[in-house]
Amino acid sequence: MERTIIKDTLNRPLHDLRISVIDRCNFRCQYCMPADKFGDDFAFLPKTALLTYEEIERIAKVFVGLGVEKIRLTGGEPLLRKDLPILVEKLSQLEGLKDIGLTTNGVLLADLAVELKNAGLKRVNVSLDSLDDELFGRINGRKVSTKPILNGIEAARQAGLGVKINMVVKKGMNDSEILPMAEFCKNNGLQLRFIEFMDVGSTNGWKMDDVITKKQIYEMLKDRYDLEAVEPSYFGEVAKVYRYKDTNAEVGFISSVSESFCSSCTRARLSANGQIFTCLFNGNGHDIRNMMRNGATDEQIAEKITGIWNGRTDRYSDERLAETNTNRKKIEMSYIGG
């Protein structure tokens, strides 16, 4: 199939695909899978509902043919999916794909970092919301300490993977950790990305009052460090990145609540059960799994994806800022990833 580039109604090209490979996690994080909603008896998807690696590879190949250059594997926790390096190797061989990454909580990363790197993975984004063990244990809902995550980060670096740290900041929860996390990442040459607490799904009890904005965090850092803005690496980069002056260390901000970036969104998402979503905040998925299992050709799948993307009008963060129609059904983070 000839490679092309498709654009939506707002002239946003499709360049980035997030693939959720599993809908479950070994954490019950308060931000996305709170324990009171996702207890040990929660009914996750049966194995037959999940896309197989061969199905993921096939759909990804079609997406790459439509302009996608970057793939990130997510979950749930993607490292819970058995033999994940096999999938990484399959995807890394797709002609036209320039980058493949992984978002993880890092618990299993130390054991898999070398194998993932050898399979073709280029980078990992590791979630770490605090350096304080007691607080981190409360946030992750499993009383897991920071030790396995820090070990995973070091193992990834030693394996030659690029590493970024994601920290979701919630007022009254872990805002006291902003400066300690910044100092730790700066001293260790890790790019920390502060993420505003977002209203993803309907189970995390989101309120605007709980949001610490990018501007507020930036002001805290600016009081201690000289920061200089870094030009975006590519169109559609969601993080606004700054460099600590006279160093190579960087810090980024993902500000989808206070400073929308809908106008430059180039990202589609494929859920663990084969639904295509065109926005992190949109609960209306488009089934591609059953279409494929019922015998659709690659050309028919490409036509379906093209129609979905070309008709996309998503701009939820803009609408939230404007206080317009934001009362909509949303997909949970465990199904769609970040």
Protein backbone atom coordinates (compact mmCIF):
# COMPACT_ATOMS: atom_id res chain seq x y z
CA MET A 1 0.00 0.00 0.00
CA GLU A 2 1.39 3.38 -0.98
CA ARG A 3 2.38 5.57 1.97
CA THR A 4 0.36 8.76 2.28
CA ILE A 5 -0.41 11.44 4.86
CA ILE A 6 -3.95 12.16 5.96
CA LYS A 7 -5.27 15.27 7.71
CA ASP A 8 -8.43 15.99 9.68
CA THR A 9 -10.97 18.78 9.35
CA LEU A 10 -8.66 21.16 11.24
CA ASN A 11 -5.68 20.25 9.02
CA ARG A 12 -4.01 18.15 11.73
CA PRO A 13 -1.90 15.36 10.21
CA LEU A 14 -1.77 11.84 11.64
CA HIS A 15 1.79 11.19 12.82
CA ASP A 16 1.57 9.47 16.21
CA LEU A 17 -0.14 6.24 17.32
CA ARG A 18 -0.58 5.15 20.94
CA ILE A 19 -1.29 1.43 21.31
CA SER A 20 -2.70 0.05 24.57
CA VAL A 21 -1.61 -3.59 24.70
CA ILE A 22 -3.39 -4.55 27.94
CA ASP A 23 -6.17 -3.05 30.08
CA ARG A 24 -4.83 -3.94 33.52
CA CYS A 25 -2.09 -2.68 35.81
CA ASN A 26 -0.10 -3.84 38.83
CA PHE A 27 -0.88 -0.47 40.48
CA ARG A 28 -4.20 0.97 41.59
CA CYS A 29 -3.08 4.53 41.05
CA GLN A 30 -5.33 7.30 42.32
CA TYR A 31 -4.90 9.18 39.03
CA CYS A 32 -6.20 6.54 36.64
CA MET A 33 -7.22 3.24 38.32
CA PRO A 34 -8.31 4.05 41.90
CA ALA A 35 -8.61 0.97 44.10
CA ASP A 36 -12.21 1.69 45.09
CA LYS A 37 -13.20 1.40 41.41
CA PHE A 38 -10.62 -1.17 40.23
CA GLY A 39 -10.40 -3.64 43.11
CA ASP A 40 -8.98 -7.15 42.96
CA ASP A 41 -12.36 -8.46 41.77
CA PHE A 42 -12.66 -5.96 38.89
CA ALA A 43 -13.64 -7.68 35.63
CA PHE A 44 -10.94 -6.82 33.11
CA LEU A 45 -11.19 -7.81 29.46
CA PRO A 46 -11.00 -11.54 28.66
CA LYS A 47 -7.93 -12.57 26.71
CA THR A 48 -9.99 -13.17 23.56
CA ALA A 49 -11.08 -9.52 23.57
CA LEU A 50 -7.49 -8.26 23.41
CA LEU A 51 -5.83 -7.73 20.08
CA THR A 52 -3.21 -10.37 19.33
CA TYR A 53 0.31 -9.28 18.48
CA GLU A 54 -0.31 -10.22 14.86
CA GLU A 55 -3.44 -8.05 14.80
CA ILE A 56 -1.61 -5.13 16.41
CA GLU A 57 1.20 -5.47 13.87
CA ARG A 58 -1.26 -5.50 10.99
CA ILE A 59 -3.18 -2.44 12.17
CA ALA A 60 0.06 -0.60 12.95
CA LYS A 61 1.35 -1.32 9.44
CA VAL A 62 -1.80 0.26 8.00
CA PHE A 63 -1.38 3.31 10.24
CA VAL A 64 2.26 3.70 9.19
CA GLY A 65 1.10 3.58 5.59
CA LEU A 66 -1.19 6.53 6.40
CA GLY A 67 1.60 8.72 7.76
CA VAL A 68 2.28 7.52 11.31
CA GLU A 69 5.98 7.84 12.17
CA LYS A 70 5.88 7.26 15.94
CA ILE A 71 4.35 4.48 18.00
CA ARG A 72 4.17 4.32 21.77
CA LEU A 73 3.04 1.19 23.62
CA THR A 74 0.91 1.81 26.70
CA GLY A 75 -1.64 0.08 28.94
CA GLY A 76 -2.72 -0.34 31.69
CA GLU A 77 0.82 -1.46 32.36
CA PRO A 78 2.24 -2.77 29.06
CA LEU A 79 5.01 -4.81 30.69
CA LEU A 80 2.32 -7.10 32.12
CA ARG A 81 1.64 -8.35 28.58
CA LYS A 82 3.51 -11.62 28.10
CA ASP A 83 6.45 -11.60 25.66
CA LEU A 84 6.12 -7.88 24.90
CA PRO A 85 9.60 -7.74 23.25
CA ILE A 86 8.19 -9.96 20.49
CA LEU A 87 5.68 -7.23 19.63
CA VAL A 88 8.35 -4.54 19.85
CA GLU A 89 10.49 -6.44 17.37
CA LYS A 90 7.57 -6.83 14.95
CA LEU A 91 6.73 -3.13 15.08
CA SER A 92 10.33 -1.94 14.91
CA GLN A 93 10.65 -3.58 11.50
CA LEU A 94 7.78 -1.64 9.92
CA GLU A 95 9.06 0.34 6.96
CA GLY A 96 8.54 4.06 7.50
CA LEU A 97 8.33 3.92 11.29
CA LYS A 98 10.91 6.24 12.84
CA ASP A 99 10.35 5.86 16.56
CA ILE A 100 8.91 3.34 19.00
CA GLY A 101 8.58 4.03 22.72
CA LEU A 102 6.90 2.68 25.83
CA THR A 103 5.11 4.21 28.80
CA THR A 104 5.49 2.19 32.02
CA ASN A 105 5.29 2.44 35.79
CA GLY A 106 8.74 0.86 35.81
CA VAL A 107 8.13 -1.98 38.27
CA LEU A 108 9.10 -4.69 35.76
CA LEU A 109 11.49 -2.59 33.70
CA ALA A 110 14.77 -3.70 35.28
CA ASP A 111 14.23 -7.29 34.13
CA LEU A 112 13.15 -6.37 30.61
CA ALA A 113 15.17 -3.29 29.65
CA VAL A 114 17.95 -5.07 27.75
CA GLU A 115 15.55 -7.39 25.94
CA LEU A 116 13.33 -4.47 24.93
CA LYS A 117 16.31 -2.48 23.67
CA ASN A 118 17.57 -5.44 21.65
CA ALA A 119 14.10 -5.86 20.16
CA GLY A 120 14.17 -2.30 18.81
CA LEU A 121 12.64 -0.12 21.53
CA LYS A 122 14.16 3.37 21.53
CA ARG A 123 12.85 5.06 24.67
CA VAL A 124 10.72 4.73 27.79
CA ASN A 125 8.56 7.17 29.73
CA VAL A 126 8.51 6.09 33.37
CA SER A 127 5.78 7.28 35.73
CA LEU A 128 7.10 8.45 39.09
CA ASP A 129 4.96 10.84 41.11
CA SER A 130 7.06 11.11 44.27
CA LEU A 131 10.45 10.19 45.72
CA ASP A 132 8.96 9.72 49.18
CA ASP A 133 8.28 6.02 49.71
CA GLU A 134 5.30 6.44 52.03
CA LEU A 135 3.60 8.97 49.76
CA PHE A 136 4.45 7.01 46.62
CA GLY A 137 2.95 3.87 48.17
CA ARG A 138 -0.30 5.71 48.87
CA ILE A 139 -0.45 7.12 45.34
CA ASN A 140 0.13 3.77 43.63
CA GLY A 141 -2.37 2.03 45.91
CA ARG A 142 -0.12 -1.01 46.40
CA LYS A 143 2.39 0.36 48.92
CA VAL A 144 5.13 -0.22 46.35
CA SER A 145 8.30 1.73 47.18
CA THR A 146 10.28 3.79 44.72
CA LYS A 147 13.17 1.29 44.72
CA PRO A 148 12.00 -0.98 41.85
CA ILE A 149 11.11 2.05 39.74
CA LEU A 150 14.50 3.69 40.30
CA ASN A 151 16.17 0.36 39.52
CA GLY A 152 14.17 0.16 36.32
CA ILE A 153 15.17 3.67 35.31
CA GLU A 154 18.84 2.89 35.83
CA ALA A 155 18.53 -0.42 33.96
CA ALA A 156 16.91 1.37 31.02
CA ARG A 157 19.72 3.92 30.91
CA GLN A 158 22.37 1.22 31.09
CA ALA A 159 20.64 -0.62 28.24
CA GLY A 160 20.88 2.49 26.07
CA LEU A 161 17.22 3.48 26.10
CA GLY A 162 16.19 7.12 26.22
CA VAL A 163 14.42 7.84 29.52
CA LYS A 164 11.90 10.51 30.50
CA ILE A 165 10.10 10.73 33.83
CA ASN A 166 6.38 11.55 34.00
CA MET A 167 5.04 13.15 37.17
CA VAL A 168 1.31 13.85 37.49
CA VAL A 169 0.85 16.66 40.00
CA LYS A 170 -2.27 16.90 42.15
CA LYS A 171 -2.84 19.69 44.64
CA GLY A 172 -2.70 18.47 48.22
CA MET A 173 -1.40 15.09 47.11
CA ASN A 174 2.15 15.47 45.82
CA ASP A 175 2.72 19.14 45.04
CA SER A 176 5.29 19.14 47.87
CA GLU A 177 7.39 16.83 45.68
CA ILE A 178 7.72 19.25 42.75
CA LEU A 179 11.09 20.69 43.75
CA PRO A 180 12.61 17.43 45.07
CA MET A 181 11.67 15.67 41.84
CA ALA A 182 13.07 18.52 39.75
CA GLU A 183 16.36 18.45 41.67
CA PHE A 184 16.66 14.66 41.43
CA CYS A 185 16.03 14.57 37.70
CA LYS A 186 18.27 17.55 36.99
CA ASN A 187 21.15 16.00 38.94
CA ASN A 188 20.71 12.66 37.19
CA GLY A 189 20.34 14.00 33.64
CA LEU A 190 16.71 12.89 33.31
CA GLN A 191 14.05 14.99 31.60
CA LEU A 192 11.18 15.34 34.05
CA ARG A 193 7.78 16.11 32.57
CA PHE A 194 5.23 17.65 34.90
CA ILE A 195 1.71 16.62 33.85
CA GLU A 196 -1.34 18.54 34.95
CA PHE A 197 -3.93 16.36 36.71
CA MET A 198 -6.42 15.63 33.92
CA ASP A 199 -10.08 14.63 33.75
CA VAL A 200 -9.44 11.38 31.89
CA GLY A 201 -12.24 8.86 32.28
CA SER A 202 -14.85 9.18 35.01
CA THR A 203 -13.36 7.36 38.00
CA ASN A 204 -10.52 9.56 39.30
CA GLY A 205 -12.70 12.19 40.99
CA TRP A 206 -11.20 15.04 38.95
CA LYS A 207 -11.90 18.62 40.03
CA MET A 208 -10.35 21.78 38.65
CA ASP A 209 -9.46 22.77 42.22
CA ASP A 210 -7.03 19.82 42.32
CA VAL A 211 -5.01 21.06 39.34
CA ILE A 212 -1.58 22.63 39.79
CA THR A 213 -1.07 24.44 36.50
CA LYS A 214 2.01 24.58 34.31
CA LYS A 215 2.36 28.28 35.11
CA GLN A 216 2.35 27.62 38.86
CA ILE A 217 4.98 24.88 38.60
CA TYR A 218 7.10 26.98 36.26
CA GLU A 219 7.07 29.86 38.73
CA MET A 220 8.21 27.52 41.51
CA LEU A 221 11.12 26.29 39.40
CA LYS A 222 12.02 29.76 38.17
CA ASP A 223 12.54 30.93 41.74
CA ARG A 224 15.34 28.38 42.07
CA TYR A 225 16.71 27.84 38.54
CA ASP A 226 17.44 29.80 35.38
CA LEU A 227 15.28 28.27 32.66
CA GLU A 228 15.42 28.87 28.92
CA ALA A 229 12.80 27.70 26.44
CA VAL A 230 13.67 24.93 23.99
CA GLU A 231 12.24 24.91 20.47
CA PRO A 232 9.80 22.04 19.80
CA SER A 233 11.47 18.99 18.28
CA TYR A 234 8.56 18.38 15.89
CA PHE A 235 5.07 19.61 15.05
CA GLY A 236 2.61 18.32 17.61
CA GLU A 237 5.05 17.90 20.50
CA VAL A 238 2.80 18.07 23.56
CA ALA A 239 5.44 18.96 26.14
CA LYS A 240 6.71 22.52 26.45
CA VAL A 241 10.38 22.01 27.22
CA TYR A 242 12.86 24.22 29.05
CA ARG A 243 16.58 23.80 29.66
CA TYR A 244 18.32 24.55 32.91
CA LYS A 245 20.68 27.30 31.79
CA ASP A 246 24.32 26.30 31.25
CA THR A 247 23.42 22.58 31.41
CA ASN A 248 22.05 19.90 29.11
CA ALA A 249 19.30 19.00 31.59
CA GLU A 250 15.71 19.70 30.56
CA VAL A 251 12.30 19.86 32.15
CA GLY A 252 8.96 19.70 30.35
CA PHE A 253 5.32 20.54 31.02
CA ILE A 254 2.21 18.84 29.66
CA SER A 255 -0.56 21.35 30.19
CA SER A 256 -3.70 20.00 28.55
CA VAL A 257 -5.87 21.55 31.27
CA SER A 258 -4.55 25.12 31.48
CA GLU A 259 -2.94 25.57 28.05
CA SER A 260 -4.66 23.48 25.41
CA PHE A 261 -2.72 22.04 22.48
CA CYS A 262 -5.70 20.66 20.55
CA SER A 263 -4.77 22.67 17.46
CA SER A 264 -1.56 20.69 16.95
CA CYS A 265 -2.71 17.22 18.05
CA THR A 266 -1.44 14.56 15.63
CA ARG A 267 -2.23 11.52 17.78
CA ALA A 268 -4.57 8.56 17.40
CA ARG A 269 -5.09 5.83 19.98
CA LEU A 270 -5.76 2.12 19.64
CA SER A 271 -7.31 0.54 22.72
CA ALA A 272 -6.47 -2.90 24.06
CA ASN A 273 -9.70 -4.30 22.58
CA GLY A 274 -9.21 -2.81 19.12
CA GLN A 275 -11.09 0.48 19.23
CA ILE A 276 -9.70 3.60 17.58
CA PHE A 277 -10.01 6.82 19.56
CA THR A 278 -9.15 10.23 18.17
CA CYS A 279 -8.94 12.02 21.53
CA LEU A 280 -7.84 11.07 25.03
CA PHE A 281 -11.07 12.59 26.36
CA ASN A 282 -13.46 11.01 23.86
CA GLY A 283 -15.40 7.89 24.83
CA ASN A 284 -16.66 7.19 21.33
CA GLY A 285 -14.38 4.54 19.89
CA HIS A 286 -14.46 3.07 16.39
CA ASP A 287 -14.28 -0.72 16.29
CA ILE A 288 -11.52 -2.06 14.07
CA ARG A 289 -11.00 -5.46 15.72
CA ASN A 290 -14.26 -7.04 14.60
CA MET A 291 -13.91 -5.50 11.16
CA MET A 292 -10.52 -7.17 10.84
CA ARG A 293 -11.67 -10.48 12.30
CA ASN A 294 -14.60 -10.52 9.88
CA GLY A 295 -12.24 -10.55 6.92
CA ALA A 296 -11.62 -6.89 6.00
CA THR A 297 -8.64 -6.25 3.73
CA ASP A 298 -5.82 -3.84 4.58
CA GLU A 299 -7.22 -1.43 2.01
CA GLN A 300 -10.66 -1.49 3.67
CA ILE A 301 -9.09 -0.92 7.09
CA ALA A 302 -7.05 1.99 5.68
CA GLU A 303 -10.20 3.48 4.19
CA LYS A 304 -11.96 3.16 7.55
CA ILE A 305 -9.10 4.84 9.44
CA THR A 306 -8.89 7.60 6.82
CA GLY A 307 -12.59 8.33 7.18
CA ILE A 308 -12.31 8.44 10.98
CA TRP A 309 -9.33 10.78 10.94
CA ASN A 310 -10.52 13.03 8.12
CA GLY A 311 -13.80 13.60 9.96
CA ARG A 312 -12.17 14.30 13.33
CA THR A 313 -13.29 17.48 15.10
CA ASP A 314 -11.98 16.76 18.63
CA ARG A 315 -10.92 19.78 20.66
CA TYR A 316 -12.00 18.83 24.16
CA SER A 317 -9.33 20.82 26.02
CA ASP A 318 -10.29 23.94 24.08
CA GLU A 319 -13.92 23.37 25.01
CA ARG A 320 -13.05 22.76 28.66
CA LEU A 321 -11.19 26.07 28.78
CA ALA A 322 -14.15 27.80 27.14
CA GLU A 323 -16.54 26.02 29.53
CA THR A 324 -18.65 24.72 26.67
CA ASN A 325 -19.99 21.19 26.15
CA THR A 326 -17.59 19.03 28.18
CA ASN A 327 -20.15 16.69 29.78
CA ARG A 328 -19.39 13.68 27.63
CA LYS A 329 -18.70 9.98 27.95
CA LYS A 330 -14.96 9.32 28.35
CA ILE A 331 -12.84 6.22 27.92
CA GLU A 332 -10.94 5.09 31.03
CA MET A 333 -7.15 5.40 31.07
CA SER A 334 -6.73 1.66 31.61
CA TYR A 335 -8.18 1.00 28.15
CA ILE A 336 -6.55 3.79 26.19
CA GLY A 337 -3.25 4.63 27.87
CA GLY A 338 -1.77 8.11 28.12
